[in-house]
C-alpha atoms as a PDB file:
ATOM      1  CA  UNK A   1       0.000   0.000   0.000  1.00  0.00           C
ATOM      2  CA  UNK A   2       2.809   2.429   0.806  1.00  0.00           C
ATOM      3  CA  UNK A   3       4.271   1.828  -2.663  1.00  0.00           C
ATOM      4  CA  UNK A   4       0.944   2.836  -4.225  1.00  0.00           C
ATOM      5  CA  UNK A   5       0.866   5.960  -2.064  1.00  0.00           C
ATOM      6  CA  UNK A   6       4.415   6.833  -3.112  1.00  0.00           C
ATOM      7  CA  UNK A   7       3.533   6.486  -6.796  1.00  0.00           C
ATOM      8  CA  UNK A   8       0.212   8.303  -6.366  1.00  0.00           C
ATOM      9  CA  UNK A   9       1.583  11.268  -4.400  1.00  0.00           C
ATOM     10  CA  UNK A  10       2.918  13.320  -7.369  1.00  0.00           C
ATOM     11  CA  UNK A  11      -0.371  12.919  -9.243  1.00  0.00           C
ATOM     12  CA  UNK A  12      -2.459  13.805  -6.184  1.00  0.00           C
ATOM     13  CA  UNK A  13      -0.268  16.798  -5.435  1.00  0.00           C
ATOM     14  CA  UNK A  14      -0.470  18.086  -9.015  1.00  0.00           C
ATOM     15  CA  UNK A  15      -4.244  17.609  -9.180  1.00  0.00           C
ATOM     16  CA  UNK A  16      -4.686  19.355  -5.829  1.00  0.00           C
ATOM     17  CA  UNK A  17      -2.582  22.332  -6.959  1.00  0.00           C
ATOM     18  CA  UNK A  18      -4.585  22.546 -10.185  1.00  0.00           C
ATOM     19  CA  UNK A  19      -7.882  22.316  -8.272  1.00  0.00           C
ATOM     20  CA  UNK A  20      -6.750  24.918  -5.742  1.00  0.00           C
ATOM     21  CA  UNK A  21      -5.726  27.360  -8.476  1.00  0.00           C
ATOM     22  CA  UNK A  22      -9.016  26.900 -10.298  1.00  0.00           C
ATOM     23  CA  UNK A  23     -11.039  26.879  -7.058  1.00  0.00           C
ATOM     24  CA  UNK A  24     -12.532  23.539  -8.128  1.00  0.00           C
ATOM     25  CA  UNK A  25     -11.556  21.289  -5.220  1.00  0.00           C
ATOM     26  CA  UNK A  26     -15.172  20.218  -4.718  1.00  0.00           C
ATOM     27  CA  UNK A  27     -15.581  19.217  -8.371  1.00  0.00           C
ATOM     28  CA  UNK A  28     -12.257  17.360  -8.377  1.00  0.00           C
ATOM     29  CA  UNK A  29     -13.200  15.598  -5.166  1.00  0.00           C
ATOM     30  CA  UNK A  30     -16.409  14.319  -6.761  1.00  0.00           C
ATOM     31  CA  UNK A  31     -14.658  13.337  -9.995  1.00  0.00           C
ATOM     32  CA  UNK A  32     -11.880  11.444  -8.217  1.00  0.00           C
ATOM     33  CA  UNK A  33     -14.386   9.680  -5.968  1.00  0.00           C
ATOM     34  CA  UNK A  34     -16.367   8.612  -9.035  1.00  0.00           C
ATOM     35  CA  UNK A  35     -13.256   7.400 -10.886  1.00  0.00           C
ATOM     36  CA  UNK A  36     -12.085   5.563  -7.786  1.00  0.00           C
ATOM     37  CA  UNK A  37     -15.410   3.786  -7.399  1.00  0.00           C
ATOM     38  CA  UNK A  38     -15.487   3.022 -11.116  1.00  0.00           C
ATOM     39  CA  UNK A  39     -12.019   1.470 -11.077  1.00  0.00           C
ATOM     40  CA  UNK A  40     -12.826  -0.652  -8.046  1.00  0.00           C
ATOM     41  CA  UNK A  41     -15.455  -2.411 -10.175  1.00  0.00           C
ATOM     42  CA  UNK A  42     -14.007  -5.765 -11.235  1.00  0.00           C
ATOM     43  CA  UNK A  43     -15.902  -5.833 -14.527  1.00  0.00           C
ATOM     44  CA  UNK A  44     -14.514  -2.453 -15.563  1.00  0.00           C
ATOM     45  CA  UNK A  45     -10.949  -3.321 -14.561  1.00  0.00           C
ATOM     46  CA  UNK A  46     -11.155  -6.641 -16.410  1.00  0.00           C
ATOM     47  CA  UNK A  47     -12.060  -4.802 -19.608  1.00  0.00           C
ATOM     48  CA  UNK A  48      -9.511  -1.998 -19.169  1.00  0.00           C
ATOM     49  CA  UNK A  49      -6.704  -4.427 -18.234  1.00  0.00           C
ATOM     50  CA  UNK A  50      -7.279  -6.484 -21.382  1.00  0.00           C
ATOM     51  CA  UNK A  51      -3.986  -6.366 -23.313  1.00  0.00           C
ATOM     52  CA  UNK A  52      -5.880  -6.468 -26.632  1.00  0.00           C
ATOM     53  CA  UNK A  53      -7.544  -3.145 -25.800  1.00  0.00           C
ATOM     54  CA  UNK A  54      -5.470  -0.135 -26.892  1.00  0.00           C
ATOM     55  CA  UNK A  55      -4.877   2.721 -24.486  1.00  0.00           C
ATOM     56  CA  UNK A  56      -6.911   4.997 -26.737  1.00  0.00           C
ATOM     57  CA  UNK A  57      -9.886   2.604 -26.713  1.00  0.00           C
ATOM     58  CA  UNK A  58      -9.582   2.172 -22.938  1.00  0.00           C
ATOM     59  CA  UNK A  59      -9.608   5.950 -22.490  1.00  0.00           C
ATOM     60  CA  UNK A  60     -12.593   6.354 -24.824  1.00  0.00           C
ATOM     61  CA  UNK A  61     -14.505   3.630 -22.993  1.00  0.00           C
ATOM     62  CA  UNK A  62     -13.789   5.144 -19.573  1.00  0.00           C
ATOM     63  CA  UNK A  63     -14.745   8.631 -20.757  1.00  0.00           C
ATOM     64  CA  UNK A  64     -17.978   7.231 -22.184  1.00  0.00           C
ATOM     65  CA  UNK A  65     -18.814   5.675 -18.822  1.00  0.00           C
ATOM     66  CA  UNK A  66     -17.872   8.878 -16.972  1.00  0.00           C
ATOM     67  CA  UNK A  67     -19.909  11.225 -19.202  1.00  0.00           C
ATOM     68  CA  UNK A  68     -20.878  14.186 -16.965  1.00  0.00           C
ATOM     69  CA  UNK A  69     -18.842  13.021 -13.966  1.00  0.00           C
ATOM     70  CA  UNK A  70     -15.575  14.493 -15.261  1.00  0.00           C
ATOM     71  CA  UNK A  71     -14.967  17.851 -16.931  1.00  0.00           C
ATOM     72  CA  UNK A  72     -12.315  18.624 -19.564  1.00  0.00           C
ATOM     73  CA  UNK A  73      -9.510  18.741 -16.968  1.00  0.00           C
ATOM     74  CA  UNK A  74     -10.713  15.440 -15.506  1.00  0.00           C
ATOM     75  CA  UNK A  75     -10.736  13.893 -18.972  1.00  0.00           C
ATOM     76  CA  UNK A  76      -7.160  15.068 -19.534  1.00  0.00           C
ATOM     77  CA  UNK A  77      -6.189  13.599 -16.170  1.00  0.00           C
ATOM     78  CA  UNK A  78      -7.784  10.286 -17.131  1.00  0.00           C
ATOM     79  CA  UNK A  79      -5.937  10.261 -20.471  1.00  0.00           C
ATOM     80  CA  UNK A  80      -2.634  10.897 -18.672  1.00  0.00           C
ATOM     81  CA  UNK A  81      -3.294   8.139 -16.128  1.00  0.00           C
ATOM     82  CA  UNK A  82      -4.182   5.609 -18.848  1.00  0.00           C
ATOM     83  CA  UNK A  83      -1.206   6.605 -21.001  1.00  0.00           C
ATOM     84  CA  UNK A  84       1.203   6.133 -18.077  1.00  0.00           C
ATOM     85  CA  UNK A  85      -0.371   2.810 -17.005  1.00  0.00           C
ATOM     86  CA  UNK A  86      -1.389   4.287 -13.647  1.00  0.00           C
ATOM     87  CA  UNK A  87      -5.083   3.373 -13.480  1.00  0.00           C
ATOM     88  CA  UNK A  88      -4.586   1.221 -10.352  1.00  0.00           C
ATOM     89  CA  UNK A  89      -3.359   4.362  -8.573  1.00  0.00           C
ATOM     90  CA  UNK A  90      -6.621   6.285  -8.911  1.00  0.00           C
ATOM     91  CA  UNK A  91      -8.076   5.179  -5.521  1.00  0.00           C
ATOM     92  CA  UNK A  92      -4.810   6.180  -3.803  1.00  0.00           C
ATOM     93  CA  UNK A  93      -4.746   9.471  -5.698  1.00  0.00           C
ATOM     94  CA  UNK A  94      -8.314  10.179  -4.577  1.00  0.00           C
ATOM     95  CA  UNK A  95      -7.443   9.341  -0.967  1.00  0.00           C
ATOM     96  CA  UNK A  96      -4.359  11.575  -0.967  1.00  0.00           C
ATOM     97  CA  UNK A  97      -6.303  14.376  -2.677  1.00  0.00           C
ATOM     98  CA  UNK A  98      -8.875  14.264   0.124  1.00  0.00           C
ATOM     99  CA  UNK A  99      -6.097  14.364   2.724  1.00  0.00           C
ATOM    100  CA  UNK A 100      -4.574  17.449   1.038  1.00  0.00           C
ATOM    101  CA  UNK A 101      -7.990  19.070   0.853  1.00  0.00           C
ATOM    102  CA  UNK A 102      -8.724  18.369   4.512  1.00  0.00           C
ATOM    103  CA  UNK A 103      -5.356  19.796   5.543  1.00  0.00           C
ATOM    104  CA  UNK A 104      -5.882  22.900   3.414  1.00  0.00           C
ATOM    105  CA  UNK A 105      -9.414  23.505   4.662  1.00  0.00           C
ATOM    106  CA  UNK A 106      -8.469  22.798   8.288  1.00  0.00           C
ATOM    107  CA  UNK A 107     -10.569  19.748   9.037  1.00  0.00           C
ATOM    108  CA  UNK A 108      -9.996  16.085   9.640  1.00  0.00           C
ATOM    109  CA  UNK A 109     -12.179  13.164   8.611  1.00  0.00           C
ATOM    110  CA  UNK A 110     -12.873  10.978  11.604  1.00  0.00           C
ATOM    111  CA  UNK A 111     -14.293   7.463  11.558  1.00  0.00           C
ATOM    112  CA  UNK A 112     -16.087   6.580  14.783  1.00  0.00           C
ATOM    113  CA  UNK A 113     -17.128   3.014  15.499  1.00  0.00           C
ATOM    114  CA  UNK A 114     -19.578   2.608  18.350  1.00  0.00           C
ATOM    115  CA  UNK A 115     -21.157  -0.437  19.911  1.00  0.00           C
ATOM    116  CA  UNK A 116     -24.475   1.443  20.056  1.00  0.00           C
ATOM    117  CA  UNK A 117     -26.333   4.136  18.101  1.00  0.00           C
ATOM    118  CA  UNK A 118     -25.408   7.744  19.031  1.00  0.00           C
ATOM    119  CA  UNK A 119     -27.989  10.384  19.878  1.00  0.00           C
ATOM    120  CA  UNK A 120     -27.619  13.863  18.368  1.00  0.00           C
ATOM    121  CA  UNK A 121     -26.364  15.180  21.697  1.00  0.00           C
ATOM    122  CA  UNK A 122     -23.763  12.386  21.936  1.00  0.00           C
ATOM    123  CA  UNK A 123     -22.507  13.150  18.417  1.00  0.00           C
ATOM    124  CA  UNK A 124     -22.297  16.861  19.183  1.00  0.00           C
ATOM    125  CA  UNK A 125     -20.448  16.238  22.453  1.00  0.00           C
ATOM    126  CA  UNK A 126     -17.994  13.778  20.895  1.00  0.00           C
ATOM    127  CA  UNK A 127     -17.419  16.101  17.941  1.00  0.00           C
ATOM    128  CA  UNK A 128     -16.627  18.976  20.290  1.00  0.00           C
ATOM    129  CA  UNK A 129     -14.244  16.814  22.336  1.00  0.00           C
ATOM    130  CA  UNK A 130     -12.462  15.557  19.215  1.00  0.00           C
ATOM    131  CA  UNK A 131     -12.117  19.089  17.813  1.00  0.00           C
ATOM    132  CA  UNK A 132     -10.376  20.155  21.020  1.00  0.00           C
ATOM    133  CA  UNK A 133      -8.157  17.053  21.085  1.00  0.00           C
ATOM    134  CA  UNK A 134      -7.195  17.231  17.399  1.00  0.00           C
ATOM    135  CA  UNK A 135      -7.137  21.060  17.136  1.00  0.00           C
ATOM    136  CA  UNK A 136      -9.097  20.901  13.882  1.00  0.00           C
ATOM    137  CA  UNK A 137     -12.665  20.929  12.718  1.00  0.00           C
ATOM    138  CA  UNK A 138     -14.024  17.376  12.607  1.00  0.00           C
ATOM    139  CA  UNK A 139     -16.067  15.686   9.883  1.00  0.00           C
ATOM    140  CA  UNK A 140     -17.369  12.643  11.696  1.00  0.00           C
ATOM    141  CA  UNK A 141     -18.760   9.429  10.241  1.00  0.00           C
ATOM    142  CA  UNK A 142     -20.318   7.139  12.854  1.00  0.00           C
ATOM    143  CA  UNK A 143     -20.741   3.406  12.254  1.00  0.00           C
ATOM    144  CA  UNK A 144     -22.348   0.933  14.645  1.00  0.00           C
ATOM    145  CA  UNK A 145     -20.113  -2.081  15.287  1.00  0.00           C
ATOM    146  CA  UNK A 146     -21.630  -4.528  17.772  1.00  0.00           C
ATOM    147  CA  UNK A 147     -18.342  -6.473  17.973  1.00  0.00           C
ATOM    148  CA  UNK A 148     -16.899  -3.639  20.109  1.00  0.00           C
ATOM    149  CA  UNK A 149     -19.164  -4.858  22.962  1.00  0.00           C
ATOM    150  CA  UNK A 150     -19.183  -1.343  24.448  1.00  0.00           C
ATOM    151  CA  UNK A 151     -17.416   2.002  24.065  1.00  0.00           C
ATOM    152  CA  UNK A 152     -16.044   3.574  20.898  1.00  0.00           C
ATOM    153  CA  UNK A 153     -13.107   3.322  18.510  1.00  0.00           C
ATOM    154  CA  UNK A 154     -11.997   6.544  16.793  1.00  0.00           C
ATOM    155  CA  UNK A 155      -9.755   6.772  13.706  1.00  0.00           C
ATOM    156  CA  UNK A 156      -8.511  10.179  12.645  1.00  0.00           C
ATOM    157  CA  UNK A 157      -5.926   9.838   9.902  1.00  0.00           C
ATOM    158  CA  UNK A 158      -3.161   7.695  11.334  1.00  0.00           C
ATOM    159  CA  UNK A 159      -4.317   8.188  14.940  1.00  0.00           C
ATOM    160  CA  UNK A 160      -6.432   5.559  16.652  1.00  0.00           C
ATOM    161  CA  UNK A 161      -8.164   6.058  19.992  1.00  0.00           C
ATOM    162  CA  UNK A 162      -9.592   2.794  21.261  1.00  0.00           C
ATOM    163  CA  UNK A 163     -12.011   3.147  24.143  1.00  0.00           C
ATOM    164  CA  UNK A 164     -13.879  -0.049  23.366  1.00  0.00           C
ATOM    165  CA  UNK A 165     -14.352  -3.017  25.653  1.00  0.00           C
ATOM    166  CA  UNK A 166     -13.076  -5.302  22.882  1.00  0.00           C
ATOM    167  CA  UNK A 167      -9.874  -3.226  22.738  1.00  0.00           C
ATOM    168  CA  UNK A 168      -9.461  -3.383  26.512  1.00  0.00           C
ATOM    169  CA  UNK A 169      -9.961  -7.154  26.490  1.00  0.00           C
ATOM    170  CA  UNK A 170      -7.370  -7.540  23.715  1.00  0.00           C
ATOM    171  CA  UNK A 171      -4.933  -5.396  25.697  1.00  0.00           C
ATOM    172  CA  UNK A 172      -5.509  -7.511  28.812  1.00  0.00           C
ATOM    173  CA  UNK A 173      -4.997 -10.689  26.800  1.00  0.00           C
ATOM    174  CA  UNK A 174      -1.655  -9.448  25.442  1.00  0.00           C
ATOM    175  CA  UNK A 175      -0.566  -8.328  28.893  1.00  0.00           C
ATOM    176  CA  UNK A 176      -1.379 -11.690  30.470  1.00  0.00           C
ATOM    177  CA  UNK A 177       0.442 -13.731  27.822  1.00  0.00           C
END
């Protein structure tokens, strides 16, 4: 995975700079998310990876599928990616682009896994606590995960805060071994 990130970084950086200059980060974010989802489809990748299919035909096919999802700059990006045999990098490029965007706009995407459903007040309270702890605005996505038994697990970038009972039990198990 780190190799993909290393290869994807120059593309993501260039796209982010282009989007920032054109004030189109939102549009690029949507386009990259669409392309990423498209290229995660096994049927699409099987067709595009076919060695009998020329790069030009692969590009035309992908642009046909994309239609209104990518603008002229996005189409040029797609042509460049296909020409350089970098289609497998698109999900990593999209992920890095979102990280650059979050850093630039001063927020952090946070994944919260909870054993139980949160009320609006709980979400607001946790969001406020996380904003203070992380010193950034928080975009929070909450998922119910019954396997946690109780408590929450928070992932913010490369930081993990495990306050779950499952995590505590795993820690105890490691300590006792």
